[in-house]
Amino acid sequence: MPDTPVSLLERLRLQPDALAWQRLVDLYTPLIRGWLARHGLQASDADDLTQEVLRIVVQELPSFRHDLRTGAFRRWLKNILLNRLRIFWRQRRPATGDHDRILNQLEDPDSAPSRLWDQEHDQHVTRRLLELIEPEFEPASWRAFQMLMLEGKSTADTAAGLGLTPNAVRIAKSRVLRRLRQEIEGLVD
């Protein structure tokens, strides 16, 4: 990790390294694989297609430019996934109306399946990035963040429960949120 962390997308665009690429793969493999499995693909096909989607992401990401619209990266990733799925269904199985319906719904940003993709993407990425940054913090700081932000406890209750001052609890929360925002920038808008 650089001393001054920048977003994962910026690291991959400007100074790609094996650690950043691995973080992207670790972050997105479960989301893509799970989504494909829910849409009727066998486990081996979902694995193959996940690898193909990630190969294209790795290949094309250096030229990706965030257009500053909400969900730009999420939309870009979904389009790659849909295009690979479309090709997969055309090559390996007879096209069905059900396949066309699924693809059409996911291409429509206002459809329920498309909104569900957006929601699941953001929740997955946030949850997974929290797991990845947790080791960067002292256990008490991390626990203070969890109690405040994830469990909804008050600052006073968190401080009392951890034997910290309320100010220390607020500082811990702020540090974790700042680090999460750095890492998540551009992935979740």
N, C-alpha and C. Protein backbone atom coordinates (compact mmCIF):
# COMPACT_ATOMS: atom_id res chain seq x y z
N MET A 1 0.83 -1.18 0.00
CA MET A 1 0.00 0.00 0.00
C MET A 1 0.87 1.24 0.00
N PRO A 2 0.51 2.24 -0.79
CA PRO A 2 1.26 3.49 -0.74
C PRO A 2 1.03 4.20 0.60
N ASP A 3 1.96 5.11 0.95
CA ASP A 3 1.81 5.85 2.20
C ASP A 3 0.55 6.69 2.22
N THR A 4 0.22 7.32 1.10
CA THR A 4 -1.00 8.09 0.98
C THR A 4 -1.94 7.30 0.09
N PRO A 5 -2.86 6.56 0.69
CA PRO A 5 -3.71 5.69 -0.11
C PRO A 5 -4.58 6.48 -1.09
N VAL A 6 -4.68 5.95 -2.27
CA VAL A 6 -5.60 6.49 -3.26
C VAL A 6 -6.57 5.38 -3.59
N SER A 7 -7.60 5.72 -4.32
CA SER A 7 -8.61 4.71 -4.61
C SER A 7 -8.03 3.56 -5.41
N LEU A 8 -8.66 2.42 -5.29
CA LEU A 8 -8.23 1.24 -6.02
C LEU A 8 -8.24 1.51 -7.52
N LEU A 9 -9.27 2.16 -8.01
CA LEU A 9 -9.34 2.45 -9.45
C LEU A 9 -8.18 3.32 -9.90
N GLU A 10 -7.84 4.32 -9.11
CA GLU A 10 -6.73 5.20 -9.49
C GLU A 10 -5.40 4.45 -9.44
N ARG A 11 -5.21 3.59 -8.44
CA ARG A 11 -3.97 2.80 -8.40
C ARG A 11 -3.87 1.92 -9.64
N LEU A 12 -4.98 1.33 -10.04
CA LEU A 12 -4.95 0.44 -11.20
C LEU A 12 -4.76 1.20 -12.50
N ARG A 13 -5.28 2.39 -12.56
CA ARG A 13 -5.14 3.19 -13.78
C ARG A 13 -3.75 3.81 -13.90
N LEU A 14 -3.24 4.35 -12.79
CA LEU A 14 -2.01 5.14 -12.85
C LEU A 14 -0.75 4.34 -12.57
N GLN A 15 -0.80 3.47 -11.58
CA GLN A 15 0.38 2.70 -11.20
C GLN A 15 -0.05 1.28 -10.84
N PRO A 16 -0.47 0.51 -11.84
CA PRO A 16 -0.96 -0.83 -11.53
C PRO A 16 0.16 -1.71 -10.98
N ASP A 17 -0.19 -2.49 -9.99
CA ASP A 17 0.75 -3.46 -9.43
C ASP A 17 -0.03 -4.72 -9.09
N ALA A 18 0.70 -5.79 -8.83
CA ALA A 18 0.08 -7.08 -8.60
C ALA A 18 -0.86 -7.05 -7.39
N LEU A 19 -0.49 -6.33 -6.35
CA LEU A 19 -1.33 -6.26 -5.15
C LEU A 19 -2.68 -5.59 -5.45
N ALA A 20 -2.64 -4.51 -6.21
CA ALA A 20 -3.89 -3.81 -6.56
C ALA A 20 -4.77 -4.69 -7.45
N TRP A 21 -4.17 -5.37 -8.42
CA TRP A 21 -4.96 -6.25 -9.28
C TRP A 21 -5.57 -7.38 -8.48
N GLN A 22 -4.80 -7.94 -7.54
CA GLN A 22 -5.32 -9.02 -6.71
C GLN A 22 -6.48 -8.53 -5.85
N ARG A 23 -6.37 -7.28 -5.36
CA ARG A 23 -7.45 -6.72 -4.56
C ARG A 23 -8.72 -6.61 -5.40
N LEU A 24 -8.60 -6.17 -6.64
CA LEU A 24 -9.76 -6.08 -7.52
C LEU A 24 -10.37 -7.46 -7.76
N VAL A 25 -9.54 -8.44 -8.02
CA VAL A 25 -10.03 -9.80 -8.26
C VAL A 25 -10.71 -10.34 -7.00
N ASP A 26 -10.08 -10.15 -5.84
CA ASP A 26 -10.67 -10.62 -4.58
C ASP A 26 -11.98 -9.91 -4.28
N LEU A 27 -12.06 -8.67 -4.66
CA LEU A 27 -13.24 -7.87 -4.41
C LEU A 27 -14.42 -8.30 -5.28
N TYR A 28 -14.16 -8.53 -6.56
CA TYR A 28 -15.26 -8.75 -7.50
C TYR A 28 -15.58 -10.19 -7.84
N THR A 29 -14.67 -11.12 -7.64
CA THR A 29 -14.94 -12.52 -8.00
C THR A 29 -16.20 -13.05 -7.31
N PRO A 30 -16.35 -12.92 -5.99
CA PRO A 30 -17.57 -13.47 -5.36
C PRO A 30 -18.85 -12.83 -5.86
N LEU A 31 -18.83 -11.54 -6.11
CA LEU A 31 -20.03 -10.85 -6.59
C LEU A 31 -20.43 -11.36 -7.97
N ILE A 32 -19.49 -11.40 -8.89
CA ILE A 32 -19.78 -11.83 -10.26
C ILE A 32 -20.20 -13.29 -10.29
N ARG A 33 -19.44 -14.14 -9.61
CA ARG A 33 -19.74 -15.58 -9.61
C ARG A 33 -21.12 -15.83 -9.00
N GLY A 34 -21.42 -15.20 -7.89
CA GLY A 34 -22.72 -15.39 -7.24
C GLY A 34 -23.86 -14.91 -8.12
N TRP A 35 -23.67 -13.79 -8.78
CA TRP A 35 -24.71 -13.25 -9.63
C TRP A 35 -24.98 -14.19 -10.80
N LEU A 36 -23.91 -14.70 -11.41
CA LEU A 36 -24.08 -15.62 -12.54
C LEU A 36 -24.76 -16.93 -12.11
N ALA A 37 -24.39 -17.43 -10.96
CA ALA A 37 -24.99 -18.67 -10.47
C ALA A 37 -26.49 -18.50 -10.24
N ARG A 38 -26.89 -17.33 -9.78
CA ARG A 38 -28.32 -17.07 -9.56
C ARG A 38 -29.10 -16.98 -10.87
N HIS A 39 -28.41 -16.78 -11.96
CA HIS A 39 -29.08 -16.67 -13.25
C HIS A 39 -28.95 -17.94 -14.07
N GLY A 40 -28.84 -19.06 -13.38
CA GLY A 40 -28.96 -20.35 -14.03
C GLY A 40 -27.69 -20.94 -14.60
N LEU A 41 -26.55 -20.37 -14.37
CA LEU A 41 -25.34 -20.96 -14.89
C LEU A 41 -24.82 -22.02 -13.92
N GLN A 42 -24.32 -23.10 -14.48
CA GLN A 42 -23.70 -24.13 -13.66
C GLN A 42 -22.43 -23.55 -13.05
N ALA A 43 -21.98 -24.15 -11.95
CA ALA A 43 -20.81 -23.63 -11.23
C ALA A 43 -19.59 -23.50 -12.13
N SER A 44 -19.32 -24.50 -12.96
CA SER A 44 -18.14 -24.43 -13.82
C SER A 44 -18.28 -23.33 -14.87
N ASP A 45 -19.48 -23.16 -15.42
CA ASP A 45 -19.71 -22.08 -16.38
C ASP A 45 -19.60 -20.72 -15.72
N ALA A 46 -20.14 -20.60 -14.51
CA ALA A 46 -20.04 -19.33 -13.77
C ALA A 46 -18.58 -19.00 -13.48
N ASP A 47 -17.79 -20.00 -13.12
CA ASP A 47 -16.37 -19.79 -12.87
C ASP A 47 -15.66 -19.31 -14.13
N ASP A 48 -15.92 -19.99 -15.25
CA ASP A 48 -15.28 -19.62 -16.51
C ASP A 48 -15.67 -18.20 -16.93
N LEU A 49 -16.95 -17.91 -16.83
CA LEU A 49 -17.42 -16.59 -17.24
C LEU A 49 -16.90 -15.49 -16.31
N THR A 50 -16.80 -15.79 -15.03
CA THR A 50 -16.23 -14.84 -14.08
C THR A 50 -14.80 -14.50 -14.47
N GLN A 51 -14.03 -15.53 -14.80
CA GLN A 51 -12.64 -15.31 -15.22
C GLN A 51 -12.58 -14.47 -16.50
N GLU A 52 -13.49 -14.73 -17.42
CA GLU A 52 -13.52 -13.97 -18.67
C GLU A 52 -13.86 -12.50 -18.41
N VAL A 53 -14.84 -12.25 -17.56
CA VAL A 53 -15.21 -10.88 -17.21
C VAL A 53 -14.02 -10.16 -16.57
N LEU A 54 -13.38 -10.82 -15.63
CA LEU A 54 -12.23 -10.19 -14.96
C LEU A 54 -11.06 -9.98 -15.91
N ARG A 55 -10.87 -10.89 -16.87
CA ARG A 55 -9.82 -10.71 -17.87
C ARG A 55 -10.07 -9.44 -18.68
N ILE A 56 -11.31 -9.24 -19.07
CA ILE A 56 -11.65 -8.04 -19.84
C ILE A 56 -11.49 -6.79 -18.98
N VAL A 57 -11.90 -6.86 -17.72
CA VAL A 57 -11.74 -5.71 -16.82
C VAL A 57 -10.27 -5.35 -16.71
N VAL A 58 -9.41 -6.35 -16.50
CA VAL A 58 -7.98 -6.09 -16.38
C VAL A 58 -7.44 -5.48 -17.67
N GLN A 59 -7.89 -6.00 -18.78
CA GLN A 59 -7.43 -5.53 -20.09
C GLN A 59 -7.90 -4.10 -20.38
N GLU A 60 -9.14 -3.80 -20.05
CA GLU A 60 -9.74 -2.52 -20.42
C GLU A 60 -9.66 -1.43 -19.36
N LEU A 61 -9.40 -1.78 -18.11
CA LEU A 61 -9.43 -0.80 -17.04
C LEU A 61 -8.47 0.38 -17.25
N PRO A 62 -7.27 0.17 -17.79
CA PRO A 62 -6.40 1.34 -17.99
C PRO A 62 -7.02 2.43 -18.86
N SER A 63 -7.95 2.06 -19.73
CA SER A 63 -8.59 3.07 -20.58
C SER A 63 -9.94 3.53 -20.03
N PHE A 64 -10.39 2.93 -18.91
CA PHE A 64 -11.66 3.35 -18.31
C PHE A 64 -11.52 4.77 -17.78
N ARG A 65 -12.49 5.60 -18.08
CA ARG A 65 -12.53 6.97 -17.55
C ARG A 65 -13.87 7.15 -16.85
N HIS A 66 -13.80 7.47 -15.59
CA HIS A 66 -15.03 7.71 -14.82
C HIS A 66 -15.67 8.98 -15.35
N ASP A 67 -16.93 8.89 -15.74
CA ASP A 67 -17.61 10.04 -16.34
C ASP A 67 -18.27 10.95 -15.30
N LEU A 68 -17.96 10.70 -14.02
CA LEU A 68 -18.46 11.49 -12.89
C LEU A 68 -19.97 11.36 -12.68
N ARG A 69 -20.60 10.45 -13.40
CA ARG A 69 -22.01 10.16 -13.14
C ARG A 69 -22.07 9.05 -12.11
N THR A 70 -23.08 9.09 -11.29
CA THR A 70 -23.26 8.08 -10.26
C THR A 70 -23.28 6.69 -10.88
N GLY A 71 -22.46 5.81 -10.32
CA GLY A 71 -22.46 4.41 -10.75
C GLY A 71 -21.71 4.13 -12.03
N ALA A 72 -20.80 4.99 -12.45
CA ALA A 72 -20.10 4.81 -13.73
C ALA A 72 -19.34 3.49 -13.79
N PHE A 73 -18.55 3.20 -12.78
CA PHE A 73 -17.79 1.94 -12.79
C PHE A 73 -18.72 0.74 -12.69
N ARG A 74 -19.71 0.84 -11.83
CA ARG A 74 -20.68 -0.24 -11.65
C ARG A 74 -21.38 -0.54 -12.97
N ARG A 75 -21.79 0.50 -13.71
CA ARG A 75 -22.44 0.32 -15.01
C ARG A 75 -21.48 -0.31 -16.01
N TRP A 76 -20.24 0.17 -16.01
CA TRP A 76 -19.23 -0.34 -16.92
C TRP A 76 -19.01 -1.84 -16.68
N LEU A 77 -18.86 -2.22 -15.42
CA LEU A 77 -18.68 -3.62 -15.07
C LEU A 77 -19.90 -4.45 -15.47
N LYS A 78 -21.09 -3.93 -15.20
CA LYS A 78 -22.32 -4.65 -15.56
C LYS A 78 -22.40 -4.84 -17.07
N ASN A 79 -22.01 -3.84 -17.85
CA ASN A 79 -22.04 -3.98 -19.31
C ASN A 79 -21.09 -5.06 -19.80
N ILE A 80 -19.91 -5.13 -19.20
CA ILE A 80 -18.97 -6.20 -19.56
C ILE A 80 -19.59 -7.55 -19.23
N LEU A 81 -20.16 -7.66 -18.05
CA LEU A 81 -20.80 -8.90 -17.62
C LEU A 81 -21.94 -9.29 -18.57
N LEU A 82 -22.78 -8.34 -18.91
CA LEU A 82 -23.92 -8.63 -19.80
C LEU A 82 -23.44 -9.04 -21.19
N ASN A 83 -22.42 -8.36 -21.70
CA ASN A 83 -21.91 -8.72 -23.03
C ASN A 83 -21.31 -10.12 -23.04
N ARG A 84 -20.58 -10.47 -22.00
CA ARG A 84 -19.99 -11.82 -21.91
C ARG A 84 -21.10 -12.86 -21.75
N LEU A 85 -22.12 -12.54 -20.97
CA LEU A 85 -23.23 -13.47 -20.79
C LEU A 85 -23.99 -13.66 -22.09
N ARG A 86 -24.19 -12.59 -22.82
CA ARG A 86 -24.88 -12.67 -24.11
C ARG A 86 -24.10 -13.59 -25.07
N ILE A 87 -22.81 -13.40 -25.14
CA ILE A 87 -21.97 -14.24 -26.01
C ILE A 87 -22.01 -15.70 -25.54
N PHE A 88 -21.92 -15.90 -24.24
CA PHE A 88 -21.97 -17.24 -23.67
C PHE A 88 -23.26 -17.94 -24.08
N TRP A 89 -24.39 -17.29 -23.88
CA TRP A 89 -25.66 -17.91 -24.21
C TRP A 89 -25.79 -18.18 -25.70
N ARG A 90 -25.26 -17.31 -26.53
CA ARG A 90 -25.34 -17.53 -27.98
C ARG A 90 -24.46 -18.70 -28.42
N GLN A 91 -23.29 -18.84 -27.82
CA GLN A 91 -22.35 -19.88 -28.25
C GLN A 91 -22.65 -21.26 -27.68
N ARG A 92 -23.13 -21.32 -26.48
CA ARG A 92 -23.22 -22.61 -25.80
C ARG A 92 -24.64 -23.16 -25.67
N ARG A 93 -25.59 -22.33 -25.82
CA ARG A 93 -26.97 -22.79 -25.62
C ARG A 93 -27.86 -22.13 -26.66
N PRO A 94 -28.93 -22.77 -27.00
CA PRO A 94 -29.86 -22.07 -27.88
C PRO A 94 -30.44 -20.84 -27.17
N ALA A 95 -30.53 -19.78 -27.90
CA ALA A 95 -31.08 -18.55 -27.32
C ALA A 95 -32.53 -18.79 -26.94
N THR A 96 -32.92 -18.25 -25.79
CA THR A 96 -34.31 -18.39 -25.36
C THR A 96 -34.86 -17.01 -25.06
N GLY A 97 -36.15 -16.92 -25.04
CA GLY A 97 -36.80 -15.67 -24.69
C GLY A 97 -36.47 -15.26 -23.27
N ASP A 98 -36.26 -16.24 -22.40
CA ASP A 98 -35.91 -15.95 -21.01
C ASP A 98 -34.56 -15.25 -20.94
N HIS A 99 -33.60 -15.73 -21.71
CA HIS A 99 -32.28 -15.09 -21.73
C HIS A 99 -32.39 -13.64 -22.21
N ASP A 100 -33.14 -13.44 -23.29
CA ASP A 100 -33.33 -12.08 -23.81
C ASP A 100 -34.01 -11.18 -22.78
N ARG A 101 -34.99 -11.72 -22.08
CA ARG A 101 -35.71 -10.95 -21.06
C ARG A 101 -34.76 -10.52 -19.95
N ILE A 102 -33.95 -11.44 -19.47
CA ILE A 102 -32.99 -11.13 -18.40
C ILE A 102 -32.04 -10.04 -18.86
N LEU A 103 -31.47 -10.20 -20.05
CA LEU A 103 -30.52 -9.20 -20.56
C LEU A 103 -31.18 -7.84 -20.76
N ASN A 104 -32.38 -7.83 -21.32
CA ASN A 104 -33.08 -6.56 -21.54
C ASN A 104 -33.39 -5.85 -20.23
N GLN A 105 -33.80 -6.62 -19.23
CA GLN A 105 -34.10 -6.01 -17.93
C GLN A 105 -32.84 -5.42 -17.31
N LEU A 106 -31.75 -6.14 -17.40
CA LEU A 106 -30.51 -5.66 -16.80
C LEU A 106 -29.91 -4.47 -17.56
N GLU A 107 -30.21 -4.37 -18.84
CA GLU A 107 -29.74 -3.22 -19.61
C GLU A 107 -30.54 -1.96 -19.31
N ASP A 108 -31.77 -2.13 -18.83
CA ASP A 108 -32.62 -0.99 -18.48
C ASP A 108 -32.27 -0.54 -17.07
N PRO A 109 -31.68 0.65 -16.91
CA PRO A 109 -31.24 1.08 -15.58
C PRO A 109 -32.39 1.28 -14.59
N ASP A 110 -33.61 1.39 -15.08
CA ASP A 110 -34.75 1.60 -14.19
C ASP A 110 -35.49 0.32 -13.82
N SER A 111 -35.05 -0.81 -14.36
CA SER A 111 -35.75 -2.07 -14.06
C SER A 111 -35.38 -2.55 -12.66
N ALA A 112 -36.25 -3.36 -12.10
CA ALA A 112 -36.00 -3.93 -10.75
C ALA A 112 -34.71 -4.76 -10.73
N PRO A 113 -34.46 -5.64 -11.72
CA PRO A 113 -33.20 -6.41 -11.68
C PRO A 113 -31.96 -5.52 -11.78
N SER A 114 -32.04 -4.45 -12.54
CA SER A 114 -30.91 -3.54 -12.66
C SER A 114 -30.66 -2.79 -11.35
N ARG A 115 -31.73 -2.34 -10.73
CA ARG A 115 -31.58 -1.67 -9.42
C ARG A 115 -31.06 -2.63 -8.37
N LEU A 116 -31.49 -3.90 -8.46
CA LEU A 116 -30.99 -4.91 -7.53
C LEU A 116 -29.49 -5.13 -7.73
N TRP A 117 -29.04 -5.19 -8.99
CA TRP A 117 -27.61 -5.30 -9.27
C TRP A 117 -26.86 -4.14 -8.61
N ASP A 118 -27.36 -2.92 -8.80
CA ASP A 118 -26.70 -1.74 -8.23
C ASP A 118 -26.61 -1.86 -6.70
N GLN A 119 -27.71 -2.24 -6.09
CA GLN A 119 -27.75 -2.36 -4.63
C GLN A 119 -26.80 -3.46 -4.14
N GLU A 120 -26.86 -4.63 -4.78
CA GLU A 120 -26.00 -5.73 -4.36
C GLU A 120 -24.53 -5.40 -4.59
N HIS A 121 -24.24 -4.74 -5.69
CA HIS A 121 -22.87 -4.33 -5.98
C HIS A 121 -22.35 -3.44 -4.86
N ASP A 122 -23.08 -2.39 -4.55
CA ASP A 122 -22.61 -1.43 -3.55
C ASP A 122 -22.47 -2.07 -2.17
N GLN A 123 -23.43 -2.90 -1.79
CA GLN A 123 -23.35 -3.58 -0.50
C GLN A 123 -22.17 -4.54 -0.45
N HIS A 124 -21.98 -5.31 -1.50
CA HIS A 124 -20.88 -6.27 -1.54
C HIS A 124 -19.53 -5.55 -1.49
N VAL A 125 -19.35 -4.54 -2.31
CA VAL A 125 -18.08 -3.82 -2.36
C VAL A 125 -17.78 -3.16 -1.02
N THR A 126 -18.77 -2.53 -0.43
CA THR A 126 -18.56 -1.88 0.87
C THR A 126 -18.19 -2.91 1.93
N ARG A 127 -18.94 -3.97 2.00
CA ARG A 127 -18.68 -5.02 3.00
C ARG A 127 -17.30 -5.63 2.80
N ARG A 128 -16.96 -5.94 1.56
CA ARG A 128 -15.68 -6.58 1.27
C ARG A 128 -14.51 -5.63 1.53
N LEU A 129 -14.66 -4.37 1.17
CA LEU A 129 -13.58 -3.42 1.43
C LEU A 129 -13.38 -3.20 2.93
N LEU A 130 -14.46 -3.22 3.68
CA LEU A 130 -14.31 -3.13 5.14
C LEU A 130 -13.49 -4.31 5.66
N GLU A 131 -13.75 -5.49 5.13
CA GLU A 131 -12.96 -6.66 5.54
C GLU A 131 -11.49 -6.49 5.17
N LEU A 132 -11.23 -5.91 4.01
CA LEU A 132 -9.85 -5.77 3.54
C LEU A 132 -9.08 -4.69 4.29
N ILE A 133 -9.75 -3.64 4.76
CA ILE A 133 -9.03 -2.58 5.46
C ILE A 133 -8.96 -2.81 6.97
N GLU A 134 -9.75 -3.70 7.49
CA GLU A 134 -9.77 -3.93 8.94
C GLU A 134 -8.38 -4.13 9.53
N PRO A 135 -7.49 -4.94 8.91
CA PRO A 135 -6.17 -5.16 9.52
C PRO A 135 -5.31 -3.89 9.64
N GLU A 136 -5.69 -2.83 8.98
CA GLU A 136 -4.92 -1.58 9.05
C GLU A 136 -5.16 -0.83 10.37
N PHE A 137 -6.12 -1.28 11.18
CA PHE A 137 -6.51 -0.54 12.38
C PHE A 137 -6.29 -1.38 13.63
N GLU A 138 -6.06 -0.68 14.72
CA GLU A 138 -5.97 -1.33 16.02
C GLU A 138 -7.35 -1.92 16.34
N PRO A 139 -7.37 -3.05 17.06
CA PRO A 139 -8.66 -3.68 17.37
C PRO A 139 -9.66 -2.75 18.07
N ALA A 140 -9.20 -1.92 19.00
CA ALA A 140 -10.13 -1.02 19.71
C ALA A 140 -10.72 0.01 18.75
N SER A 141 -9.90 0.52 17.84
CA SER A 141 -10.41 1.49 16.86
C SER A 141 -11.44 0.85 15.95
N TRP A 142 -11.12 -0.36 15.50
CA TRP A 142 -12.06 -1.06 14.62
C TRP A 142 -13.37 -1.36 15.34
N ARG A 143 -13.27 -1.80 16.57
CA ARG A 143 -14.48 -2.12 17.34
C ARG A 143 -15.32 -0.87 17.58
N ALA A 144 -14.66 0.26 17.84
CA ALA A 144 -15.40 1.52 18.01
C ALA A 144 -16.18 1.86 16.74
N PHE A 145 -15.53 1.71 15.60
CA PHE A 145 -16.19 1.96 14.32
C PHE A 145 -17.39 1.02 14.15
N GLN A 146 -17.18 -0.26 14.41
CA GLN A 146 -18.28 -1.24 14.27
C GLN A 146 -19.47 -0.87 15.15
N MET A 147 -19.17 -0.57 16.39
CA MET A 147 -20.27 -0.28 17.33
C MET A 147 -21.05 0.96 16.90
N LEU A 148 -20.34 1.99 16.45
CA LEU A 148 -21.01 3.23 16.04
C LEU A 148 -21.74 3.09 14.71
N MET A 149 -21.03 2.62 13.71
CA MET A 149 -21.55 2.66 12.35
C MET A 149 -22.36 1.43 11.95
N LEU A 150 -21.99 0.27 12.45
CA LEU A 150 -22.65 -0.95 12.01
C LEU A 150 -23.71 -1.44 12.99
N GLU A 151 -23.49 -1.14 14.26
CA GLU A 151 -24.44 -1.59 15.28
C GLU A 151 -25.35 -0.47 15.78
N GLY A 152 -25.05 0.78 15.40
CA GLY A 152 -25.90 1.91 15.75
C GLY A 152 -25.83 2.34 17.20
N LYS A 153 -24.77 1.99 17.88
CA LYS A 153 -24.63 2.39 19.29
C LYS A 153 -24.25 3.87 19.36
N SER A 154 -24.54 4.48 20.45
CA SER A 154 -24.20 5.89 20.65
C SER A 154 -22.71 6.01 20.96
N THR A 155 -22.20 7.22 20.79
CA THR A 155 -20.80 7.48 21.13
C THR A 155 -20.54 7.20 22.60
N ALA A 156 -21.45 7.64 23.47
CA ALA A 156 -21.27 7.44 24.91
C ALA A 156 -21.27 5.95 25.27
N ASP A 157 -22.19 5.18 24.71
CA ASP A 157 -22.25 3.75 25.00
C ASP A 157 -21.00 3.02 24.47
N THR A 158 -20.57 3.41 23.29
CA THR A 158 -19.37 2.80 22.71
C THR A 158 -18.15 3.11 23.56
N ALA A 159 -18.01 4.38 23.94
CA ALA A 159 -16.87 4.77 24.77
C ALA A 159 -16.87 4.01 26.09
N ALA A 160 -18.02 3.93 26.74
CA ALA A 160 -18.11 3.22 28.01
C ALA A 160 -17.81 1.73 27.83
N GLY A 161 -18.33 1.15 26.78
CA GLY A 161 -18.12 -0.28 26.54
C GLY A 161 -16.68 -0.64 26.22
N LEU A 162 -15.95 0.29 25.63
CA LEU A 162 -14.57 0.01 25.24
C LEU A 162 -13.54 0.63 26.18
N GLY A 163 -14.00 1.41 27.13
CA GLY A 163 -13.07 2.08 28.04
C GLY A 163 -12.28 3.18 27.36
N LEU A 164 -12.92 3.84 26.40
CA LEU A 164 -12.29 4.94 25.67
C LEU A 164 -13.03 6.24 25.98
N THR A 165 -12.42 7.35 25.62
CA THR A 165 -13.12 8.62 25.73
C THR A 165 -14.04 8.77 24.53
N PRO A 166 -15.09 9.55 24.66
CA PRO A 166 -15.96 9.80 23.49
C PRO A 166 -15.17 10.38 22.31
N ASN A 167 -14.20 11.23 22.59
CA ASN A 167 -13.39 11.82 21.52
C ASN A 167 -12.58 10.74 20.80
N ALA A 168 -12.02 9.79 21.54
CA ALA A 168 -11.25 8.70 20.93
C ALA A 168 -12.15 7.85 20.03
N VAL A 169 -13.38 7.66 20.45
CA VAL A 169 -14.34 6.89 19.65
C VAL A 169 -14.64 7.62 18.34
N ARG A 170 -14.88 8.92 18.43
CA ARG A 170 -15.16 9.71 17.22
C ARG A 170 -13.96 9.73 16.27
N ILE A 171 -12.77 9.83 16.83
CA ILE A 171 -11.55 9.82 16.00
C ILE A 171 -11.40 8.48 15.30
N ALA A 172 -11.63 7.39 16.03
CA ALA A 172 -11.53 6.05 15.43
C ALA A 172 -12.51 5.92 14.27
N LYS A 173 -13.74 6.33 14.50
CA LYS A 173 -14.76 6.26 13.44
C LYS A 173 -14.33 7.07 12.23
N SER A 174 -13.83 8.25 12.47
CA SER A 174 -13.41 9.14 11.39
C SER A 174 -12.25 8.54 10.58
N ARG A 175 -11.31 7.94 11.25
CA ARG A 175 -10.16 7.34 10.56
C ARG A 175 -10.59 6.17 9.67
N VAL A 176 -11.44 5.32 10.20
CA VAL A 176 -11.90 4.18 9.40
C VAL A 176 -12.72 4.67 8.20
N LEU A 177 -13.62 5.62 8.43
CA LEU A 177 -14.42 6.14 7.32
C LEU A 177 -13.56 6.82 6.26
N ARG A 178 -12.56 7.57 6.70
CA ARG A 178 -11.66 8.24 5.75
C ARG A 178 -10.94 7.20 4.89
N ARG A 179 -10.47 6.14 5.53
CA ARG A 179 -9.75 5.09 4.78
C ARG A 179 -10.70 4.36 3.84
N LEU A 180 -11.91 4.07 4.29
CA LEU A 180 -12.90 3.42 3.44
C LEU A 180 -13.21 4.29 2.23
N ARG A 181 -13.41 5.58 2.45
CA ARG A 181 -13.71 6.49 1.34
C ARG A 181 -12.58 6.53 0.33
N GLN A 182 -11.34 6.49 0.81
CA GLN A 182 -10.20 6.48 -0.10
C GLN A 182 -10.22 5.24 -0.98
N GLU A 183 -10.48 4.11 -0.37
CA GLU A 183 -10.43 2.84 -1.09
C GLU A 183 -11.63 2.67 -2.03
N ILE A 184 -12.76 3.16 -1.63
CA ILE A 184 -14.00 2.91 -2.35
C ILE A 184 -14.29 3.92 -3.47
N GLU A 185 -13.54 5.00 -3.48
CA GLU A 185 -13.80 6.09 -4.43
C GLU A 185 -13.89 5.56 -5.86
N GLY A 186 -14.96 5.89 -6.50
CA GLY A 186 -15.19 5.48 -7.89
C GLY A 186 -15.87 4.13 -8.04
N LEU A 187 -15.76 3.28 -7.03
CA LEU A 187 -16.42 1.98 -7.10
C LEU A 187 -17.86 2.04 -6.70
N VAL A 188 -18.13 2.79 -5.63
CA VAL A 188 -19.48 3.00 -5.12
C VAL A 188 -19.69 4.50 -5.04
N ASP A 189 -20.72 4.96 -5.71
CA ASP A 189 -20.97 6.41 -5.75
C ASP A 189 -22.15 6.76 -4.88
